[in-house]
């Protein structure tokens, strides 16, 4: 992130070097992109499970109906 700031001339190299030299600076940047990706993947997995469950339910109902129809 700091390289980006230097490239865009938002900070100079000396300032960045000084920041990186701070012990336990607590400097942290989080853009949230990783968490968004995890959320999307979790939603896709949930939808896949729901579709599988629905297929199983329909198969059970179809089997039941074919058995009941014989009597």
Protein backbone atom coordinates (compact mmCIF):
# COMPACT_ATOMS: atom_id res chain seq x y z
CA UNK A 1 0.00 0.00 0.00
CA UNK A 2 2.81 2.35 0.84
CA UNK A 3 4.42 1.69 -2.55
CA UNK A 4 1.18 2.76 -4.17
CA UNK A 5 1.21 6.00 -2.17
CA UNK A 6 4.78 6.67 -3.31
CA UNK A 7 3.97 5.85 -6.94
CA UNK A 8 1.00 8.20 -6.87
CA UNK A 9 3.16 10.81 -5.14
CA UNK A 10 0.87 10.90 -2.12
CA UNK A 11 3.89 10.26 0.15
CA UNK A 12 7.60 10.62 -0.29
CA UNK A 13 10.07 7.76 0.12
CA UNK A 14 11.59 9.22 3.30
CA UNK A 15 8.21 9.34 5.04
CA UNK A 16 7.47 5.73 4.10
CA UNK A 17 10.91 4.58 5.28
CA UNK A 18 10.32 6.40 8.55
CA UNK A 19 6.93 4.75 8.99
CA UNK A 20 8.38 1.31 8.32
CA UNK A 21 11.06 1.94 10.93
CA UNK A 22 8.52 2.60 13.69
CA UNK A 23 8.53 -0.26 16.20
CA UNK A 24 5.03 -1.68 16.62
CA UNK A 25 3.54 1.19 14.69
CA UNK A 26 0.16 -0.50 14.48
CA UNK A 27 -0.08 0.74 10.91
CA UNK A 28 -2.58 -1.47 9.15
CA UNK A 29 -4.56 -1.15 5.96
CA UNK A 30 -7.49 -3.42 5.23
CA UNK A 31 -9.44 -3.05 2.02
CA UNK A 32 -11.95 -5.80 2.78
CA UNK A 33 -11.54 -7.50 -0.59
CA UNK A 34 -10.59 -10.84 0.97
CA UNK A 35 -13.60 -10.85 3.24
CA UNK A 36 -15.90 -10.02 0.33
CA UNK A 37 -14.51 -12.92 -1.65
CA UNK A 38 -15.00 -15.27 1.30
CA UNK A 39 -18.59 -14.06 1.67
CA UNK A 40 -19.31 -14.66 -2.01
CA UNK A 41 -17.82 -18.15 -1.85
CA UNK A 42 -19.80 -18.96 1.29
CA UNK A 43 -23.03 -17.82 -0.39
CA UNK A 44 -22.27 -19.93 -3.46
CA UNK A 45 -21.58 -22.97 -1.29
CA UNK A 46 -24.82 -22.44 0.62
CA UNK A 47 -26.82 -22.14 -2.60
CA UNK A 48 -25.23 -25.33 -3.91
CA UNK A 49 -26.15 -27.19 -0.70
CA UNK A 50 -29.72 -25.86 -0.90
CA UNK A 51 -30.05 -27.03 -4.53
CA UNK A 52 -28.75 -30.48 -3.57
CA UNK A 53 -31.22 -30.70 -0.69
CA UNK A 54 -34.07 -29.69 -2.99
CA UNK A 55 -33.06 -32.37 -5.53
CA UNK A 56 -33.03 -34.98 -2.78
CA UNK A 57 -36.46 -33.87 -1.53
CA UNK A 58 -37.91 -34.05 -5.03
CA UNK A 59 -36.41 -37.49 -5.58
CA UNK A 60 -37.94 -38.72 -2.32
CA UNK A 61 -41.34 -37.28 -3.22
CA UNK A 62 -41.18 -38.76 -6.73
CA UNK A 63 -40.25 -42.16 -5.31
CA UNK A 64 -43.04 -41.96 -2.74
CA UNK A 65 -45.56 -40.95 -5.38
CA UNK A 66 -44.52 -43.80 -7.68
CA UNK A 67 -44.91 -46.28 -4.83
CA UNK A 68 -48.28 -44.90 -3.73
CA UNK A 69 -49.52 -44.83 -7.31
CA UNK A 70 -49.08 -48.59 -7.56
CA UNK A 71 -51.71 -49.32 -4.92
